[in-house]
C-alpha atoms as a PDB file:
ATOM      1  CA  MET A   1      13.781   3.117 -34.344  1.00  0.00           C
ATOM      2  CA  LEU A   2      13.834   6.884 -34.645  1.00  0.00           C
ATOM      3  CA  PRO A   3      14.792   8.801 -31.481  1.00  0.00           C
ATOM      4  CA  ALA A   4      11.427  10.609 -31.421  1.00  0.00           C
ATOM      5  CA  GLU A   5       9.525   7.300 -31.468  1.00  0.00           C
ATOM      6  CA  ARG A   6      11.752   5.861 -28.744  1.00  0.00           C
ATOM      7  CA  ARG A   7      11.160   8.907 -26.558  1.00  0.00           C
ATOM      8  CA  ARG A   8       7.411   8.584 -27.134  1.00  0.00           C
ATOM      9  CA  LEU A   9       7.514   4.976 -25.914  1.00  0.00           C
ATOM     10  CA  ILE A  10       9.724   5.897 -22.963  1.00  0.00           C
ATOM     11  CA  LEU A  11       7.249   8.581 -21.931  1.00  0.00           C
ATOM     12  CA  LYS A  12       4.342   6.154 -22.326  1.00  0.00           C
ATOM     13  CA  GLN A  13       6.070   3.667 -19.998  1.00  0.00           C
ATOM     14  CA  ILE A  14       6.751   6.335 -17.385  1.00  0.00           C
ATOM     15  CA  GLU A  15       3.143   7.531 -17.599  1.00  0.00           C
ATOM     16  CA  THR A  16       1.941   3.960 -17.056  1.00  0.00           C
ATOM     17  CA  GLU A  17       4.327   2.966 -14.260  1.00  0.00           C
ATOM     18  CA  GLY A  18       5.099   6.339 -12.725  1.00  0.00           C
ATOM     19  CA  SER A  19       8.871   5.943 -13.109  1.00  0.00           C
ATOM     20  CA  ALA A  20      11.551   4.045 -15.016  1.00  0.00           C
ATOM     21  CA  GLN A  21      15.216   3.121 -14.633  1.00  0.00           C
ATOM     22  CA  ILE A  22      17.888   3.867 -17.230  1.00  0.00           C
ATOM     23  CA  ASN A  23      19.284   0.314 -17.316  1.00  0.00           C
ATOM     24  CA  GLN A  24      15.803  -1.126 -17.759  1.00  0.00           C
ATOM     25  CA  LEU A  25      15.039   1.239 -20.631  1.00  0.00           C
ATOM     26  CA  ALA A  26      18.390   0.581 -22.297  1.00  0.00           C
ATOM     27  CA  GLU A  27      17.724  -3.165 -22.240  1.00  0.00           C
ATOM     28  CA  ARG A  28      14.177  -2.769 -23.529  1.00  0.00           C
ATOM     29  CA  PHE A  29      15.163  -0.614 -26.503  1.00  0.00           C
ATOM     30  CA  GLY A  30      18.532  -2.240 -27.219  1.00  0.00           C
ATOM     31  CA  VAL A  31      20.517   0.995 -26.926  1.00  0.00           C
ATOM     32  CA  SER A  32      23.228   2.291 -24.615  1.00  0.00           C
ATOM     33  CA  ALA A  33      22.558   3.865 -21.237  1.00  0.00           C
ATOM     34  CA  MET A  34      24.040   7.087 -22.609  1.00  0.00           C
ATOM     35  CA  THR A  35      21.428   7.146 -25.382  1.00  0.00           C
ATOM     36  CA  ILE A  36      18.651   6.735 -22.801  1.00  0.00           C
ATOM     37  CA  ARG A  37      20.153   9.540 -20.700  1.00  0.00           C
ATOM     38  CA  ARG A  38      20.010  11.824 -23.736  1.00  0.00           C
ATOM     39  CA  ASP A  39      16.372  10.810 -24.341  1.00  0.00           C
ATOM     40  CA  LEU A  40      15.511  11.593 -20.733  1.00  0.00           C
ATOM     41  CA  ASP A  41      17.294  14.932 -20.975  1.00  0.00           C
ATOM     42  CA  VAL A  42      15.072  15.846 -23.933  1.00  0.00           C
ATOM     43  CA  LEU A  43      11.888  14.772 -22.118  1.00  0.00           C
ATOM     44  CA  GLU A  44      12.922  16.727 -19.031  1.00  0.00           C
ATOM     45  CA  ALA A  45      13.636  19.826 -21.141  1.00  0.00           C
ATOM     46  CA  GLU A  46      10.091  19.450 -22.501  1.00  0.00           C
ATOM     47  CA  ARG A  47       8.846  19.374 -18.885  1.00  0.00           C
ATOM     48  CA  ARG A  48       7.330  15.937 -19.360  1.00  0.00           C
ATOM     49  CA  ILE A  49       9.402  14.129 -16.686  1.00  0.00           C
ATOM     50  CA  VAL A  50      11.774  14.740 -13.801  1.00  0.00           C
ATOM     51  CA  ARG A  51      15.194  13.078 -13.796  1.00  0.00           C
ATOM     52  CA  THR A  52      16.021  11.007 -10.734  1.00  0.00           C
ATOM     53  CA  ARG A  53      19.139   9.130  -9.728  1.00  0.00           C
ATOM     54  CA  GLY A  54      19.368   6.273 -12.199  1.00  0.00           C
ATOM     55  CA  GLY A  55      16.127   7.050 -13.999  1.00  0.00           C
ATOM     56  CA  ALA A  56      13.146   9.377 -14.250  1.00  0.00           C
ATOM     57  CA  MET A  57       9.624   9.907 -12.905  1.00  0.00           C
ATOM     58  CA  LEU A  58       6.526  11.799 -13.952  1.00  0.00           C
ATOM     59  CA  ARG A  59       6.533  15.517 -13.379  1.00  0.00           C
ATOM     60  CA  GLU A  60       3.879  16.548 -10.894  1.00  0.00           C
ATOM     61  CA  ASP A  61       1.134  18.626 -12.448  1.00  0.00           C
ATOM     62  CA  PRO A  62      -1.831  19.769 -10.328  1.00  0.00           C
ATOM     63  CA  ARG A  63      -4.076  19.578 -13.405  1.00  0.00           C
ATOM     64  CA  ARG A  64      -3.179  16.007 -14.305  1.00  0.00           C
ATOM     65  CA  GLU A  65      -4.645  12.694 -13.194  1.00  0.00           C
ATOM     66  CA  PHE A  66      -1.817  10.276 -12.460  1.00  0.00           C
ATOM     67  CA  PRO A  67      -1.880   6.490 -12.966  1.00  0.00           C
ATOM     68  CA  HIS A  68      -2.784   4.262 -10.036  1.00  0.00           C
ATOM     69  CA  ARG A  69       0.707   2.797  -9.726  1.00  0.00           C
ATOM     70  CA  TRP A  70       2.263   6.248  -9.372  1.00  0.00           C
ATOM     71  CA  LYS A  71      -0.238   7.255  -6.704  1.00  0.00           C
ATOM     72  CA  ASP A  72       0.079   3.964  -4.855  1.00  0.00           C
ATOM     73  CA  GLU A  73       3.805   4.448  -4.304  1.00  0.00           C
ATOM     74  CA  ARG A  74       3.491   7.908  -2.767  1.00  0.00           C
ATOM     75  CA  ASN A  75       2.985   8.675   0.929  1.00  0.00           C
ATOM     76  CA  GLN A  76       2.462   5.024   1.811  1.00  0.00           C
ATOM     77  CA  PRO A  77       2.879   5.359   5.619  1.00  0.00           C
ATOM     78  CA  ALA A  78       0.289   8.144   5.733  1.00  0.00           C
ATOM     79  CA  LYS A  79      -2.182   6.176   3.619  1.00  0.00           C
ATOM     80  CA  GLU A  80      -1.752   3.055   5.747  1.00  0.00           C
ATOM     81  CA  ALA A  81      -2.347   5.078   8.908  1.00  0.00           C
ATOM     82  CA  ILE A  82      -5.463   6.707   7.447  1.00  0.00           C
ATOM     83  CA  ALA A  83      -6.834   3.310   6.424  1.00  0.00           C
ATOM     84  CA  ARG A  84      -6.345   1.948   9.950  1.00  0.00           C
ATOM     85  CA  ARG A  85      -8.331   4.807  11.439  1.00  0.00           C
ATOM     86  CA  ALA A  86     -11.016   4.647   8.743  1.00  0.00           C
ATOM     87  CA  VAL A  87     -11.807   0.960   9.197  1.00  0.00           C
ATOM     88  CA  ALA A  88     -12.720   1.676  12.824  1.00  0.00           C
ATOM     89  CA  LEU A  89     -15.732   3.612  11.524  1.00  0.00           C
ATOM     90  CA  ILE A  90     -17.210   0.469   9.930  1.00  0.00           C
ATOM     91  CA  GLY A  91     -19.299  -1.898  12.027  1.00  0.00           C
ATOM     92  CA  SER A  92     -20.520  -5.406  11.295  1.00  0.00           C
ATOM     93  CA  GLY A  93     -23.648  -5.515   9.194  1.00  0.00           C
ATOM     94  CA  GLN A  94     -23.070  -2.095   7.668  1.00  0.00           C
ATOM     95  CA  SER A  95     -23.002  -0.974   4.053  1.00  0.00           C
ATOM     96  CA  VAL A  96     -20.233   1.240   2.693  1.00  0.00           C
ATOM     97  CA  ILE A  97     -19.151   2.874  -0.539  1.00  0.00           C
ATOM     98  CA  LEU A  98     -15.443   2.982  -1.332  1.00  0.00           C
ATOM     99  CA  ASP A  99     -14.411   5.547  -3.915  1.00  0.00           C
ATOM    100  CA  ALA A 100     -11.625   4.576  -6.306  1.00  0.00           C
ATOM    101  CA  GLY A 101      -8.081   5.375  -5.212  1.00  0.00           C
ATOM    102  CA  SER A 102      -4.928   4.159  -3.508  1.00  0.00           C
ATOM    103  CA  THR A 103      -5.958   5.166   0.024  1.00  0.00           C
ATOM    104  CA  ASN A 104      -9.325   3.442  -0.295  1.00  0.00           C
ATOM    105  CA  LEU A 105      -7.545   0.358  -1.649  1.00  0.00           C
ATOM    106  CA  ARG A 106      -5.652   0.188   1.638  1.00  0.00           C
ATOM    107  CA  LEU A 107      -8.912   0.668   3.548  1.00  0.00           C
ATOM    108  CA  ALA A 108     -10.443  -2.156   1.518  1.00  0.00           C
ATOM    109  CA  ARG A 109      -7.677  -4.500   2.643  1.00  0.00           C
ATOM    110  CA  GLN A 110      -8.413  -3.537   6.255  1.00  0.00           C
ATOM    111  CA  THR A 111     -12.060  -4.598   5.856  1.00  0.00           C
ATOM    112  CA  ALA A 112     -11.045  -8.217   5.197  1.00  0.00           C
ATOM    113  CA  SER A 113     -11.416  -9.026   8.915  1.00  0.00           C
ATOM    114  CA  LEU A 114     -14.948  -7.617   9.145  1.00  0.00           C
ATOM    115  CA  GLN A 115     -18.137  -9.638   8.842  1.00  0.00           C
ATOM    116  CA  ASP A 116     -21.382  -9.147   6.950  1.00  0.00           C
ATOM    117  CA  ILE A 117     -20.305  -5.983   5.130  1.00  0.00           C
ATOM    118  CA  MET A 118     -21.922  -4.771   1.930  1.00  0.00           C
ATOM    119  CA  LEU A 119     -19.187  -2.955   0.004  1.00  0.00           C
ATOM    120  CA  ILE A 120     -19.927  -0.941  -3.134  1.00  0.00           C
ATOM    121  CA  THR A 121     -17.057   0.412  -5.216  1.00  0.00           C
ATOM    122  CA  ASN A 122     -16.139   1.752  -8.638  1.00  0.00           C
ATOM    123  CA  ASP A 123     -12.539   0.572  -8.207  1.00  0.00           C
ATOM    124  CA  LEU A 124     -11.659  -2.566 -10.154  1.00  0.00           C
ATOM    125  CA  LYS A 125      -8.598  -3.301  -8.001  1.00  0.00           C
ATOM    126  CA  ILE A 126     -10.657  -3.146  -4.814  1.00  0.00           C
ATOM    127  CA  ALA A 127     -13.281  -5.505  -6.246  1.00  0.00           C
ATOM    128  CA  LEU A 128     -10.645  -8.025  -7.392  1.00  0.00           C
ATOM    129  CA  GLU A 129      -8.895  -8.038  -4.019  1.00  0.00           C
ATOM    130  CA  LEU A 130     -12.057  -8.471  -1.963  1.00  0.00           C
ATOM    131  CA  GLY A 131     -14.260 -10.535  -4.255  1.00  0.00           C
ATOM    132  CA  ASP A 132     -13.345 -13.918  -2.732  1.00  0.00           C
ATOM    133  CA  ILE A 133     -13.281 -12.888   0.941  1.00  0.00           C
ATOM    134  CA  GLU A 134     -15.984 -14.576   3.000  1.00  0.00           C
ATOM    135  CA  GLY A 135     -18.179 -12.164   4.909  1.00  0.00           C
ATOM    136  CA  LEU A 136     -17.800  -9.330   2.400  1.00  0.00           C
ATOM    137  CA  HIS A 137     -20.473  -8.753  -0.228  1.00  0.00           C
ATOM    138  CA  VAL A 138     -18.867  -6.766  -3.036  1.00  0.00           C
ATOM    139  CA  VAL A 139     -20.859  -4.784  -5.588  1.00  0.00           C
ATOM    140  CA  LEU A 140     -19.019  -3.231  -8.521  1.00  0.00           C
ATOM    141  CA  THR A 141     -20.673  -0.241 -10.149  1.00  0.00           C
ATOM    142  CA  GLY A 142     -21.176  -0.064 -13.861  1.00  0.00           C
ATOM    143  CA  GLY A 143     -19.434   2.391 -16.131  1.00  0.00           C
ATOM    144  CA  GLN A 144     -16.490   2.739 -18.468  1.00  0.00           C
ATOM    145  CA  LEU A 145     -13.093   1.570 -17.226  1.00  0.00           C
ATOM    146  CA  LYS A 146     -10.436   4.289 -17.119  1.00  0.00           C
ATOM    147  CA  PRO A 147      -7.090   2.792 -18.214  1.00  0.00           C
ATOM    148  CA  LYS A 148      -4.151   3.014 -15.779  1.00  0.00           C
ATOM    149  CA  VAL A 149      -6.495   4.348 -13.061  1.00  0.00           C
ATOM    150  CA  TYR A 150      -8.794   1.279 -12.884  1.00  0.00           C
ATOM    151  CA  SER A 151     -11.909   3.227 -11.936  1.00  0.00           C
ATOM    152  CA  LEU A 152     -15.358   2.848 -13.485  1.00  0.00           C
ATOM    153  CA  GLU A 153     -17.033   6.098 -14.494  1.00  0.00           C
ATOM    154  CA  GLY A 154     -19.963   7.412 -16.458  1.00  0.00           C
ATOM    155  CA  HIS A 155     -23.738   7.739 -16.285  1.00  0.00           C
ATOM    156  CA  HIS A 156     -24.346   3.981 -15.855  1.00  0.00           C
ATOM    157  CA  GLY A 157     -22.404   4.027 -12.582  1.00  0.00           C
ATOM    158  CA  VAL A 158     -24.128   7.212 -11.438  1.00  0.00           C
ATOM    159  CA  ALA A 159     -27.542   5.687 -12.150  1.00  0.00           C
ATOM    160  CA  MET A 160     -26.659   2.565 -10.193  1.00  0.00           C
ATOM    161  CA  LEU A 161     -25.360   4.516  -7.202  1.00  0.00           C
ATOM    162  CA  SER A 162     -28.515   6.626  -7.056  1.00  0.00           C
ATOM    163  CA  GLY A 163     -30.467   3.557  -5.980  1.00  0.00           C
ATOM    164  CA  PHE A 164     -28.354   2.873  -2.888  1.00  0.00           C
ATOM    165  CA  ASN A 165     -28.793   4.102   0.671  1.00  0.00           C
ATOM    166  CA  VAL A 166     -25.632   3.173   2.562  1.00  0.00           C
ATOM    167  CA  ASP A 167     -24.250   3.884   6.014  1.00  0.00           C
ATOM    168  CA  THR A 168     -20.938   5.478   5.015  1.00  0.00           C
ATOM    169  CA  ALA A 169     -19.157   6.672   1.879  1.00  0.00           C
ATOM    170  CA  PHE A 170     -15.371   7.004   1.919  1.00  0.00           C
ATOM    171  CA  ILE A 171     -14.331   9.532  -0.717  1.00  0.00           C
ATOM    172  CA  GLY A 172     -10.884  10.366  -2.063  1.00  0.00           C
ATOM    173  CA  CYS A 173      -9.561  13.561  -3.642  1.00  0.00           C
ATOM    174  CA  ASP A 174      -6.511  15.030  -5.385  1.00  0.00           C
ATOM    175  CA  ALA A 175      -6.433  18.170  -3.231  1.00  0.00           C
ATOM    176  CA  PHE A 176      -8.433  19.849  -0.467  1.00  0.00           C
ATOM    177  CA  ASP A 177      -8.620  23.034   1.563  1.00  0.00           C
ATOM    178  CA  LEU A 178     -11.219  25.060   3.433  1.00  0.00           C
ATOM    179  CA  GLU A 179     -11.784  27.600   0.677  1.00  0.00           C
ATOM    180  CA  ARG A 180     -12.108  25.336  -2.393  1.00  0.00           C
ATOM    181  CA  GLY A 181     -13.218  22.141  -0.693  1.00  0.00           C
ATOM    182  CA  ALA A 182     -12.401  18.695  -2.087  1.00  0.00           C
ATOM    183  CA  MET A 183     -10.926  18.740  -5.593  1.00  0.00           C
ATOM    184  CA  THR A 184     -10.131  16.333  -8.400  1.00  0.00           C
ATOM    185  CA  ASN A 185      -8.179  16.495 -11.649  1.00  0.00           C
ATOM    186  CA  SER A 186     -10.709  14.305 -13.454  1.00  0.00           C
ATOM    187  CA  MET A 187     -13.850  15.853 -14.902  1.00  0.00           C
ATOM    188  CA  THR A 188     -15.378  12.400 -15.388  1.00  0.00           C
ATOM    189  CA  LYS A 189     -15.021  11.490 -11.708  1.00  0.00           C
ATOM    190  CA  ILE A 190     -17.074  14.380 -10.366  1.00  0.00           C
ATOM    191  CA  SER A 191     -20.513  12.896 -11.016  1.00  0.00           C
ATOM    192  CA  MET A 192     -19.471   9.535  -9.498  1.00  0.00           C
ATOM    193  CA  LYS A 193     -18.116  11.134  -6.339  1.00  0.00           C
ATOM    194  CA  GLN A 194     -21.185  13.302  -5.912  1.00  0.00           C
ATOM    195  CA  ALA A 195     -23.504  10.316  -6.447  1.00  0.00           C
ATOM    196  CA  MET A 196     -21.575   8.356  -3.809  1.00  0.00           C
ATOM    197  CA  MET A 197     -21.909  11.187  -1.311  1.00  0.00           C
ATOM    198  CA  LYS A 198     -25.618  11.609  -2.012  1.00  0.00           C
ATOM    199  CA  SER A 199     -26.212   7.895  -1.372  1.00  0.00           C
ATOM    200  CA  ALA A 200     -24.597   7.880   2.093  1.00  0.00           C
ATOM    201  CA  LYS A 201     -25.808   8.850   5.551  1.00  0.00           C
ATOM    202  CA  ARG A 202     -22.234   9.628   6.608  1.00  0.00           C
ATOM    203  CA  ARG A 203     -19.615  11.074   4.289  1.00  0.00           C
ATOM    204  CA  VAL A 204     -15.920  10.683   5.078  1.00  0.00           C
ATOM    205  CA  LEU A 205     -13.068  12.311   3.162  1.00  0.00           C
ATOM    206  CA  LEU A 206      -9.805  10.335   3.138  1.00  0.00           C
ATOM    207  CA  ALA A 207      -6.849  12.554   2.196  1.00  0.00           C
ATOM    208  CA  ASP A 208      -3.227  12.507   3.273  1.00  0.00           C
ATOM    209  CA  SER A 209      -1.779  15.844   4.341  1.00  0.00           C
ATOM    210  CA  SER A 210       0.344  16.256   1.183  1.00  0.00           C
ATOM    211  CA  LYS A 211      -2.922  17.147  -0.589  1.00  0.00           C
ATOM    212  CA  PHE A 212      -3.832  19.941   1.823  1.00  0.00           C
ATOM    213  CA  GLU A 213      -3.723  23.496   0.434  1.00  0.00           C
ATOM    214  CA  GLN A 214      -2.825  22.119  -3.000  1.00  0.00           C
ATOM    215  CA  GLN A 215      -4.783  22.907  -6.131  1.00  0.00           C
ATOM    216  CA  ALA A 216      -6.528  20.498  -8.476  1.00  0.00           C
ATOM    217  CA  LEU A 217      -8.535  21.251 -11.577  1.00  0.00           C
ATOM    218  CA  LEU A 218     -12.106  21.079 -10.252  1.00  0.00           C
ATOM    219  CA  SER A 219     -13.936  21.201  -6.927  1.00  0.00           C
ATOM    220  CA  PHE A 220     -16.593  18.545  -6.379  1.00  0.00           C
ATOM    221  CA  ALA A 221     -17.718  19.240  -2.791  1.00  0.00           C
ATOM    222  CA  ASP A 222     -17.329  21.738   0.030  1.00  0.00           C
ATOM    223  CA  LEU A 223     -15.452  20.382   3.033  1.00  0.00           C
ATOM    224  CA  THR A 224     -18.569  21.045   5.110  1.00  0.00           C
ATOM    225  CA  ASP A 225     -20.390  18.481   2.935  1.00  0.00           C
ATOM    226  CA  PHE A 226     -18.342  15.855   4.797  1.00  0.00           C
ATOM    227  CA  HIS A 227     -19.074  14.739   8.319  1.00  0.00           C
ATOM    228  CA  THR A 228     -15.501  13.559   8.883  1.00  0.00           C
ATOM    229  CA  ILE A 229     -12.036  14.107   7.421  1.00  0.00           C
ATOM    230  CA  ILE A 230      -9.342  11.531   8.100  1.00  0.00           C
ATOM    231  CA  THR A 231      -5.837  12.769   7.377  1.00  0.00           C
ATOM    232  CA  ASP A 232      -2.356  12.283   8.835  1.00  0.00           C
ATOM    233  CA  ASP A 233      -0.290  14.219  11.353  1.00  0.00           C
ATOM    234  CA  GLY A 234       1.434  16.208   8.613  1.00  0.00           C
ATOM    235  CA  ILE A 235      -1.527  18.589   8.419  1.00  0.00           C
ATOM    236  CA  PRO A 236      -0.841  21.879  10.281  1.00  0.00           C
ATOM    237  CA  PRO A 237      -2.651  21.888  13.672  1.00  0.00           C
ATOM    238  CA  GLU A 238      -4.193  25.290  12.952  1.00  0.00           C
ATOM    239  CA  SER A 239      -5.661  23.928   9.716  1.00  0.00           C
ATOM    240  CA  ALA A 240      -7.174  20.935  11.488  1.00  0.00           C
ATOM    241  CA  GLU A 241      -8.596  23.292  14.097  1.00  0.00           C
ATOM    242  CA  ALA A 242     -10.130  25.480  11.378  1.00  0.00           C
ATOM    243  CA  CYS A 243     -11.880  22.427   9.924  1.00  0.00           C
ATOM    244  CA  GLN A 244     -13.212  21.510  13.366  1.00  0.00           C
ATOM    245  CA  LYS A 245     -14.518  25.036  13.874  1.00  0.00           C
ATOM    246  CA  ALA A 246     -16.384  24.626  10.584  1.00  0.00           C
ATOM    247  CA  GLY A 247     -18.224  21.686  12.138  1.00  0.00           C
ATOM    248  CA  ILE A 248     -16.169  18.878  10.591  1.00  0.00           C
ATOM    249  CA  GLU A 249     -14.853  16.005  12.667  1.00  0.00           C
ATOM    250  CA  VAL A 250     -11.112  15.706  12.013  1.00  0.00           C
ATOM    251  CA  ILE A 251      -9.349  12.421  12.755  1.00  0.00           C
ATOM    252  CA  ILE A 252      -5.550  12.615  12.732  1.00  0.00           C
ATOM    253  CA  ALA A 253      -3.746   9.366  11.931  1.00  0.00           C
ATOM    254  CA  SER A 254      -0.153   9.005  13.083  1.00  0.00           C
ATOM    255  CA  LYS A 255       2.219   7.836  10.329  1.00  0.00           C
ATOM    256  CA  GLU A 256       4.442   6.271  12.973  1.00  0.00           C
ATOM    257  CA  GLU A 257       1.668   3.833  13.907  1.00  0.00           C
ATOM    258  CA  SER A 258       1.648   2.385  10.380  1.00  0.00           C
ATOM    259  CA  GLU A 259       5.376   1.726  10.563  1.00  0.00           C
ATOM    260  CA  THR A 260       5.329  -0.229  13.827  1.00  0.00           C
END
């Protein structure tokens, strides 16, 4: 195998899984660890990856949509804490929309103890996890499946969502701040997110504090379009206060609670 082809496959694996280890790659491609190190050096010089101890990971790019596995491994305590606070907003007999994403996947797992909940989602992982749980009625939107992200998108999903009138929509984002609102790196997700928000009486943004005052490619909603923001205690207090002054309820989840 030519070095260029091997590096292409290495990059594809890292893009799929979020990271890779040198020993694992050496075994997969039947070459020495030193050869893999040289491959990773080339990919890092091309600004495609970041070298880590014993391996490599994807380079963060505010304009890029990352695979689900990469997102799921980041900021886990904050996401768990946010999910615990979010589930308290759902009452028995209610209907909710869960946007695709790793934080909403954690919220979905929290709903397993609830009863008589209608749950609508465009996230294939959420639907698979909850589909057999008694007391939850899961509806999966239509649309085209996005590989590695596991979300359904497109006009079929938007058309389906337009017919719903639910109690609460829980929406995710790639970045948010007061000036630019809630942002995403995916052009194809915008119409789905906006349709979800339009179908809900209450709109809740779930976003860990690492996304605050970051920049993503496109804005899909002003922060004032949300009734509530649930984030973690890493957000600066003055920023949370500014959101509250703008008329948004801000719920701060403690990361320590998710670790106890």
